[in-house]
Amino acid sequence: AAAAAAAAAASTTELVVTKVRLPKHLRGDPVSKKIQHVINGALRQPENSKTQDRACEMLRKLARTPEDVKKIIELSGIPMIVRAMRDHREKSIVQAESCAVLAELVWVEPTAMETIVAVSVSQQPNDDDDDDDSSSAAAANTDSTVLQLIVRAMNDFPTHTKVQQMGCGAFRAFSYDSNNYPTIEDAGGVEAVLRSMRDNPKKVVEVLTEGCYFLQNVLSLPDLPPDIVVG
């Protein structure tokens, strides 16, 4: 099963698509049709931040079971989410909703993390070489992983409650599997969560709650360096 999940993740992230088509085994499935409709809508309007936000929200709501998450992965949902996050850096609502749906996918089906890690930020669905996309391409060169995009969003909106809550929530979801910790640390996730808790007012309970759960998971790691959360 793990090998099959890894193979599915690899095949998904290698494709650059402009339209999602249902494979035969999903054509009679109503949930798959809804997922296809959401993703294709986002792919048709990559420049529309409201469309991207809505697509991420709908995918989050459709991710009810592990089987649903696997359908989202198979239909290239994660690359669509990542492109929305990458190309709409200035839109806090897109950043927050992207973090939220990525967290939800991992909460419901932990193996989704394999695809999230495998996605190439610099190559996403419906990418082209137009000059108008030069700033996005430059951003992709400095943020090469999905987790780095989450850290970037948290840095860009340091006191935005929803971005900080959903960013911390994403790292919390990822941290329940100790195997994910090196990836989180390499992306700067620990520092981002600590900074979020430090820089946001104590009244922002949502941010502090997500951060505390994340730190609880990190501190339970058997091989944790003693100084990892100091400062």
C-alpha atoms as a PDB file:
ATOM      1  CA  ALA A   1       0.000   0.000   0.000  1.00  0.00           C
ATOM      2  CA  ALA A   2       2.814   2.399   0.869  1.00  0.00           C
ATOM      3  CA  ALA A   3       4.579   1.647  -2.395  1.00  0.00           C
ATOM      4  CA  ALA A   4       1.379   2.270  -4.338  1.00  0.00           C
ATOM      5  CA  ALA A   5       0.878   5.602  -2.556  1.00  0.00           C
ATOM      6  CA  ALA A   6       4.432   6.655  -3.352  1.00  0.00           C
ATOM      7  CA  ALA A   7       3.985   5.692  -6.999  1.00  0.00           C
ATOM      8  CA  ALA A   8       0.761   7.692  -7.176  1.00  0.00           C
ATOM      9  CA  ALA A   9       2.498  10.691  -5.621  1.00  0.00           C
ATOM     10  CA  ALA A  10       5.333  10.522  -8.131  1.00  0.00           C
ATOM     11  CA  SER A  11       3.024  10.256 -11.133  1.00  0.00           C
ATOM     12  CA  THR A  12       0.915  13.167  -9.917  1.00  0.00           C
ATOM     13  CA  THR A  13       3.779  15.568  -9.404  1.00  0.00           C
ATOM     14  CA  GLU A  14       5.395  14.830 -12.763  1.00  0.00           C
ATOM     15  CA  LEU A  15       2.350  16.022 -14.717  1.00  0.00           C
ATOM     16  CA  VAL A  16       1.731  19.591 -15.816  1.00  0.00           C
ATOM     17  CA  VAL A  17      -1.956  19.685 -16.727  1.00  0.00           C
ATOM     18  CA  THR A  18      -4.372  22.265 -18.046  1.00  0.00           C
ATOM     19  CA  LYS A  19      -7.442  20.082 -17.652  1.00  0.00           C
ATOM     20  CA  VAL A  20      -8.204  17.114 -15.429  1.00  0.00           C
ATOM     21  CA  ARG A  21      -9.940  14.123 -16.974  1.00  0.00           C
ATOM     22  CA  LEU A  22     -11.481  11.359 -14.945  1.00  0.00           C
ATOM     23  CA  PRO A  23      -9.877   7.937 -15.318  1.00  0.00           C
ATOM     24  CA  LYS A  24     -12.264   5.100 -16.071  1.00  0.00           C
ATOM     25  CA  HIS A  25     -12.392   3.794 -12.523  1.00  0.00           C
ATOM     26  CA  LEU A  26     -13.641   7.158 -11.214  1.00  0.00           C
ATOM     27  CA  ARG A  27     -16.136   8.106 -13.926  1.00  0.00           C
ATOM     28  CA  GLY A  28     -19.159   6.796 -12.082  1.00  0.00           C
ATOM     29  CA  ASP A  29     -18.183   8.331  -8.758  1.00  0.00           C
ATOM     30  CA  PRO A  30     -20.057  11.546  -7.822  1.00  0.00           C
ATOM     31  CA  VAL A  31     -17.350  12.760  -5.422  1.00  0.00           C
ATOM     32  CA  SER A  32     -14.698  12.408  -8.118  1.00  0.00           C
ATOM     33  CA  LYS A  33     -16.859  14.440 -10.488  1.00  0.00           C
ATOM     34  CA  LYS A  34     -17.159  17.216  -7.920  1.00  0.00           C
ATOM     35  CA  ILE A  35     -13.398  17.194  -7.347  1.00  0.00           C
ATOM     36  CA  GLN A  36     -12.798  17.307 -11.107  1.00  0.00           C
ATOM     37  CA  HIS A  37     -15.175  20.249 -11.471  1.00  0.00           C
ATOM     38  CA  VAL A  38     -13.457  22.217  -8.685  1.00  0.00           C
ATOM     39  CA  ILE A  39      -9.946  21.611  -9.988  1.00  0.00           C
ATOM     40  CA  ASN A  40     -10.808  22.373 -13.604  1.00  0.00           C
ATOM     41  CA  GLY A  41     -12.494  25.591 -12.528  1.00  0.00           C
ATOM     42  CA  ALA A  42      -9.296  26.670 -10.796  1.00  0.00           C
ATOM     43  CA  LEU A  43      -7.147  25.647 -13.765  1.00  0.00           C
ATOM     44  CA  ARG A  44      -9.274  27.727 -16.136  1.00  0.00           C
ATOM     45  CA  GLN A  45      -8.764  30.895 -14.084  1.00  0.00           C
ATOM     46  CA  PRO A  46      -5.314  30.703 -12.494  1.00  0.00           C
ATOM     47  CA  GLU A  47      -5.078  34.494 -12.257  1.00  0.00           C
ATOM     48  CA  ASN A  48      -8.341  34.848 -10.296  1.00  0.00           C
ATOM     49  CA  SER A  49      -7.539  34.765  -6.587  1.00  0.00           C
ATOM     50  CA  LYS A  50     -11.198  34.401  -5.579  1.00  0.00           C
ATOM     51  CA  THR A  51     -11.548  31.332  -7.776  1.00  0.00           C
ATOM     52  CA  GLN A  52      -8.398  29.827  -6.267  1.00  0.00           C
ATOM     53  CA  ASP A  53      -9.572  30.555  -2.729  1.00  0.00           C
ATOM     54  CA  ARG A  54     -12.954  28.990  -3.400  1.00  0.00           C
ATOM     55  CA  ALA A  55     -11.382  25.920  -5.032  1.00  0.00           C
ATOM     56  CA  CYS A  56      -9.138  25.334  -2.024  1.00  0.00           C
ATOM     57  CA  GLU A  57     -12.097  25.728   0.309  1.00  0.00           C
ATOM     58  CA  MET A  58     -14.199  23.269  -1.689  1.00  0.00           C
ATOM     59  CA  LEU A  59     -11.423  20.674  -1.812  1.00  0.00           C
ATOM     60  CA  ARG A  60     -11.044  20.979   1.959  1.00  0.00           C
ATOM     61  CA  LYS A  61     -14.743  20.274   2.393  1.00  0.00           C
ATOM     62  CA  LEU A  62     -14.629  17.359  -0.050  1.00  0.00           C
ATOM     63  CA  ALA A  63     -11.744  15.692   1.815  1.00  0.00           C
ATOM     64  CA  ARG A  64     -13.979  13.738   4.173  1.00  0.00           C
ATOM     65  CA  THR A  65     -12.451  10.272   4.008  1.00  0.00           C
ATOM     66  CA  PRO A  66      -9.050   8.770   3.133  1.00  0.00           C
ATOM     67  CA  GLU A  67     -10.585   7.610  -0.142  1.00  0.00           C
ATOM     68  CA  ASP A  68     -11.665  11.172  -0.960  1.00  0.00           C
ATOM     69  CA  VAL A  69      -8.161  12.466  -0.303  1.00  0.00           C
ATOM     70  CA  LYS A  70      -6.677   9.821  -2.586  1.00  0.00           C
ATOM     71  CA  LYS A  71      -9.050  10.969  -5.340  1.00  0.00           C
ATOM     72  CA  ILE A  72      -7.941  14.586  -4.846  1.00  0.00           C
ATOM     73  CA  ILE A  73      -4.327  13.448  -5.133  1.00  0.00           C
ATOM     74  CA  GLU A  74      -4.967  11.324  -8.212  1.00  0.00           C
ATOM     75  CA  LEU A  75      -6.723  14.235  -9.917  1.00  0.00           C
ATOM     76  CA  SER A  76      -3.755  16.572  -9.336  1.00  0.00           C
ATOM     77  CA  GLY A  77      -5.425  18.541  -6.578  1.00  0.00           C
ATOM     78  CA  ILE A  78      -2.268  19.168  -4.570  1.00  0.00           C
ATOM     79  CA  PRO A  79      -0.332  20.799  -7.449  1.00  0.00           C
ATOM     80  CA  MET A  80      -3.373  23.018  -8.060  1.00  0.00           C
ATOM     81  CA  ILE A  81      -3.393  24.106  -4.412  1.00  0.00           C
ATOM     82  CA  VAL A  82       0.324  24.791  -4.444  1.00  0.00           C
ATOM     83  CA  ARG A  83       0.146  26.879  -7.583  1.00  0.00           C
ATOM     84  CA  ALA A  84      -2.622  28.998  -6.047  1.00  0.00           C
ATOM     85  CA  MET A  85      -0.429  29.557  -3.014  1.00  0.00           C
ATOM     86  CA  ARG A  86       2.668  30.306  -5.059  1.00  0.00           C
ATOM     87  CA  ASP A  87       1.089  32.683  -7.558  1.00  0.00           C
ATOM     88  CA  HIS A  88      -1.153  34.641  -5.182  1.00  0.00           C
ATOM     89  CA  ARG A  89       1.421  35.523  -2.595  1.00  0.00           C
ATOM     90  CA  GLU A  90      -0.192  38.890  -1.828  1.00  0.00           C
ATOM     91  CA  LYS A  91      -3.633  37.415  -1.066  1.00  0.00           C
ATOM     92  CA  SER A  92      -3.841  36.470   2.601  1.00  0.00           C
ATOM     93  CA  ILE A  93      -7.104  34.554   2.146  1.00  0.00           C
ATOM     94  CA  VAL A  94      -5.554  32.320  -0.527  1.00  0.00           C
ATOM     95  CA  GLN A  95      -2.540  31.671   1.688  1.00  0.00           C
ATOM     96  CA  ALA A  96      -4.725  30.807   4.681  1.00  0.00           C
ATOM     97  CA  GLU A  97      -7.074  28.538   2.741  1.00  0.00           C
ATOM     98  CA  SER A  98      -4.192  26.771   0.997  1.00  0.00           C
ATOM     99  CA  CYS A  99      -2.580  26.002   4.347  1.00  0.00           C
ATOM    100  CA  ALA A 100      -5.941  24.824   5.698  1.00  0.00           C
ATOM    101  CA  VAL A 101      -6.623  22.381   2.872  1.00  0.00           C
ATOM    102  CA  LEU A 102      -3.098  20.952   2.970  1.00  0.00           C
ATOM    103  CA  ALA A 103      -3.507  20.364   6.701  1.00  0.00           C
ATOM    104  CA  GLU A 104      -6.900  18.745   6.173  1.00  0.00           C
ATOM    105  CA  LEU A 105      -5.563  16.358   3.551  1.00  0.00           C
ATOM    106  CA  VAL A 106      -2.879  15.130   5.939  1.00  0.00           C
ATOM    107  CA  TRP A 107      -5.271  14.951   8.884  1.00  0.00           C
ATOM    108  CA  VAL A 108      -7.649  12.717   6.912  1.00  0.00           C
ATOM    109  CA  GLU A 109      -5.032  10.683   5.027  1.00  0.00           C
ATOM    110  CA  PRO A 110      -1.478  10.956   6.447  1.00  0.00           C
ATOM    111  CA  THR A 111       0.100   9.484   3.296  1.00  0.00           C
ATOM    112  CA  ALA A 112      -0.888  12.692   1.497  1.00  0.00           C
ATOM    113  CA  MET A 113       2.288  14.117   2.998  1.00  0.00           C
ATOM    114  CA  GLU A 114       4.276  12.071   0.469  1.00  0.00           C
ATOM    115  CA  THR A 115       2.695  13.994  -2.392  1.00  0.00           C
ATOM    116  CA  ILE A 116       2.996  17.356  -0.641  1.00  0.00           C
ATOM    117  CA  VAL A 117       6.726  16.791  -0.165  1.00  0.00           C
ATOM    118  CA  ALA A 118       7.164  15.550  -3.743  1.00  0.00           C
ATOM    119  CA  VAL A 119       5.478  18.495  -5.482  1.00  0.00           C
ATOM    120  CA  SER A 120       7.825  20.824  -7.325  1.00  0.00           C
ATOM    121  CA  VAL A 121       6.899  24.421  -6.553  1.00  0.00           C
ATOM    122  CA  SER A 122       8.579  25.652  -9.734  1.00  0.00           C
ATOM    123  CA  GLN A 123       6.418  23.505 -12.035  1.00  0.00           C
ATOM    124  CA  GLN A 124       2.666  23.579 -11.520  1.00  0.00           C
ATOM    125  CA  PRO A 125      -0.503  22.896 -13.558  1.00  0.00           C
ATOM    126  CA  ASN A 126      -1.045  25.267 -16.496  1.00  0.00           C
ATOM    127  CA  ASP A 127       2.346  26.981 -16.098  1.00  0.00           C
ATOM    128  CA  ASP A 128       3.589  28.975 -19.075  1.00  0.00           C
ATOM    129  CA  ASP A 129       6.531  31.188 -20.002  1.00  0.00           C
ATOM    130  CA  ASP A 130       4.736  34.536 -20.328  1.00  0.00           C
ATOM    131  CA  ASP A 131       6.615  37.589 -19.126  1.00  0.00           C
ATOM    132  CA  ASP A 132       3.758  38.373 -16.766  1.00  0.00           C
ATOM    133  CA  ASP A 133       4.680  35.313 -14.738  1.00  0.00           C
ATOM    134  CA  SER A 134       8.312  36.321 -14.207  1.00  0.00           C
ATOM    135  CA  SER A 135       7.761  37.462 -10.632  1.00  0.00           C
ATOM    136  CA  SER A 136       6.073  34.177  -9.738  1.00  0.00           C
ATOM    137  CA  ALA A 137       8.899  32.214 -11.321  1.00  0.00           C
ATOM    138  CA  ALA A 138      11.426  34.218  -9.332  1.00  0.00           C
ATOM    139  CA  ALA A 139       9.531  33.502  -6.136  1.00  0.00           C
ATOM    140  CA  ALA A 140       9.470  29.783  -6.959  1.00  0.00           C
ATOM    141  CA  ASN A 141      13.248  29.784  -7.278  1.00  0.00           C
ATOM    142  CA  THR A 142      13.630  30.884  -3.665  1.00  0.00           C
ATOM    143  CA  ASP A 143      10.823  28.742  -2.226  1.00  0.00           C
ATOM    144  CA  SER A 144      11.374  25.304  -3.696  1.00  0.00           C
ATOM    145  CA  THR A 145       9.179  23.210  -1.403  1.00  0.00           C
ATOM    146  CA  VAL A 146       5.570  23.372  -0.324  1.00  0.00           C
ATOM    147  CA  LEU A 147       6.562  23.671   3.332  1.00  0.00           C
ATOM    148  CA  GLN A 148       8.743  26.640   2.457  1.00  0.00           C
ATOM    149  CA  LEU A 149       5.711  28.266   0.851  1.00  0.00           C
ATOM    150  CA  ILE A 150       3.842  27.870   4.135  1.00  0.00           C
ATOM    151  CA  VAL A 151       6.734  29.486   6.011  1.00  0.00           C
ATOM    152  CA  ARG A 152       6.808  32.273   3.412  1.00  0.00           C
ATOM    153  CA  ALA A 153       3.108  32.960   3.928  1.00  0.00           C
ATOM    154  CA  MET A 154       3.582  33.134   7.692  1.00  0.00           C
ATOM    155  CA  ASN A 155       6.488  35.547   7.209  1.00  0.00           C
ATOM    156  CA  ASP A 156       4.529  37.697   4.752  1.00  0.00           C
ATOM    157  CA  PHE A 157       1.528  38.052   7.092  1.00  0.00           C
ATOM    158  CA  PRO A 158       3.116  37.911  10.570  1.00  0.00           C
ATOM    159  CA  THR A 159       0.081  39.238  12.472  1.00  0.00           C
ATOM    160  CA  HIS A 160      -2.732  37.967  10.237  1.00  0.00           C
ATOM    161  CA  THR A 161      -4.688  35.654  12.518  1.00  0.00           C
ATOM    162  CA  LYS A 162      -6.000  33.262   9.867  1.00  0.00           C
ATOM    163  CA  VAL A 163      -2.692  32.886   8.038  1.00  0.00           C
ATOM    164  CA  GLN A 164      -0.851  32.268  11.295  1.00  0.00           C
ATOM    165  CA  GLN A 165      -3.508  29.884  12.603  1.00  0.00           C
ATOM    166  CA  MET A 166      -3.653  27.858   9.401  1.00  0.00           C
ATOM    167  CA  GLY A 167       0.125  27.890   8.962  1.00  0.00           C
ATOM    168  CA  CYS A 168       0.661  26.610  12.492  1.00  0.00           C
ATOM    169  CA  GLY A 169      -2.201  24.165  11.934  1.00  0.00           C
ATOM    170  CA  ALA A 170      -0.532  22.775   8.831  1.00  0.00           C
ATOM    171  CA  PHE A 171       2.721  22.154  10.669  1.00  0.00           C
ATOM    172  CA  ARG A 172       0.743  20.648  13.531  1.00  0.00           C
ATOM    173  CA  ALA A 173      -0.927  18.189  11.132  1.00  0.00           C
ATOM    174  CA  PHE A 174       2.419  17.303   9.557  1.00  0.00           C
ATOM    175  CA  SER A 175       4.104  16.804  12.946  1.00  0.00           C
ATOM    176  CA  TYR A 176       1.985  13.872  14.101  1.00  0.00           C
ATOM    177  CA  ASP A 177       4.230  11.606  12.040  1.00  0.00           C
ATOM    178  CA  SER A 178       7.740  11.890  13.496  1.00  0.00           C
ATOM    179  CA  ASN A 179       9.191  10.927  10.100  1.00  0.00           C
ATOM    180  CA  ASN A 180       8.104  14.343   8.825  1.00  0.00           C
ATOM    181  CA  TYR A 181      10.174  16.264  11.350  1.00  0.00           C
ATOM    182  CA  PRO A 182      13.386  16.578   9.262  1.00  0.00           C
ATOM    183  CA  THR A 183      11.358  18.021   6.390  1.00  0.00           C
ATOM    184  CA  ILE A 184       9.613  20.464   8.732  1.00  0.00           C
ATOM    185  CA  GLU A 185      12.906  21.554  10.269  1.00  0.00           C
ATOM    186  CA  ASP A 186      14.633  21.943   6.897  1.00  0.00           C
ATOM    187  CA  ALA A 187      11.839  24.223   5.711  1.00  0.00           C
ATOM    188  CA  GLY A 188      12.104  26.431   8.783  1.00  0.00           C
ATOM    189  CA  GLY A 189       8.784  25.248  10.181  1.00  0.00           C
ATOM    190  CA  VAL A 190       9.832  25.113  13.832  1.00  0.00           C
ATOM    191  CA  GLU A 191      11.164  28.658  13.748  1.00  0.00           C
ATOM    192  CA  ALA A 192       8.040  29.867  11.942  1.00  0.00           C
ATOM    193  CA  VAL A 193       5.715  28.428  14.581  1.00  0.00           C
ATOM    194  CA  LEU A 194       7.794  29.803  17.449  1.00  0.00           C
ATOM    195  CA  ARG A 195       7.896  33.228  15.800  1.00  0.00           C
ATOM    196  CA  SER A 196       4.140  33.132  15.241  1.00  0.00           C
ATOM    197  CA  MET A 197       3.461  32.379  18.908  1.00  0.00           C
ATOM    198  CA  ARG A 198       5.881  35.090  20.027  1.00  0.00           C
ATOM    199  CA  ASP A 199       4.707  37.844  17.697  1.00  0.00           C
ATOM    200  CA  ASN A 200       0.946  37.434  18.034  1.00  0.00           C
ATOM    201  CA  PRO A 201      -1.047  38.799  20.965  1.00  0.00           C
ATOM    202  CA  LYS A 202      -1.983  36.420  23.732  1.00  0.00           C
ATOM    203  CA  LYS A 203      -5.638  36.983  22.912  1.00  0.00           C
ATOM    204  CA  VAL A 204      -5.172  35.141  19.602  1.00  0.00           C
ATOM    205  CA  VAL A 205      -6.036  31.801  21.157  1.00  0.00           C
ATOM    206  CA  GLU A 206      -6.344  29.996  17.826  1.00  0.00           C
ATOM    207  CA  VAL A 207      -2.718  30.656  16.913  1.00  0.00           C
ATOM    208  CA  LEU A 208      -1.361  29.734  20.317  1.00  0.00           C
ATOM    209  CA  THR A 209      -3.432  26.550  20.467  1.00  0.00           C
ATOM    210  CA  GLU A 210      -2.137  25.271  17.132  1.00  0.00           C
ATOM    211  CA  GLY A 211       1.409  26.242  18.072  1.00  0.00           C
ATOM    212  CA  CYS A 212       1.234  24.478  21.424  1.00  0.00           C
ATOM    213  CA  TYR A 213      -0.019  21.253  19.884  1.00  0.00           C
ATOM    214  CA  PHE A 214       2.779  21.431  17.319  1.00  0.00           C
ATOM    215  CA  LEU A 215       5.403  21.933  20.030  1.00  0.00           C
ATOM    216  CA  GLN A 216       3.930  19.076  22.046  1.00  0.00           C
ATOM    217  CA  ASN A 217       4.445  16.763  19.084  1.00  0.00           C
ATOM    218  CA  VAL A 218       7.964  18.053  18.440  1.00  0.00           C
ATOM    219  CA  LEU A 219       9.022  17.768  22.073  1.00  0.00           C
ATOM    220  CA  SER A 220       7.878  14.139  22.148  1.00  0.00           C
ATOM    221  CA  LEU A 221      10.419  13.151  19.502  1.00  0.00           C
ATOM    222  CA  PRO A 222      12.922  10.650  20.962  1.00  0.00           C
ATOM    223  CA  ASP A 223      15.972  12.115  19.185  1.00  0.00           C
ATOM    224  CA  LEU A 224      15.110  15.788  19.542  1.00  0.00           C
ATOM    225  CA  PRO A 225      18.195  18.061  19.812  1.00  0.00           C
ATOM    226  CA  PRO A 226      18.022  19.661  23.287  1.00  0.00           C
ATOM    227  CA  ASP A 227      18.286  23.242  21.993  1.00  0.00           C
ATOM    228  CA  ILE A 228      15.820  22.988  19.096  1.00  0.00           C
ATOM    229  CA  VAL A 229      13.116  25.167  20.659  1.00  0.00           C
ATOM    230  CA  VAL A 230      15.315  27.509  22.651  1.00  0.00           C
ATOM    231  CA  GLY A 231      14.891  31.193  21.740  1.00  0.00           C
END
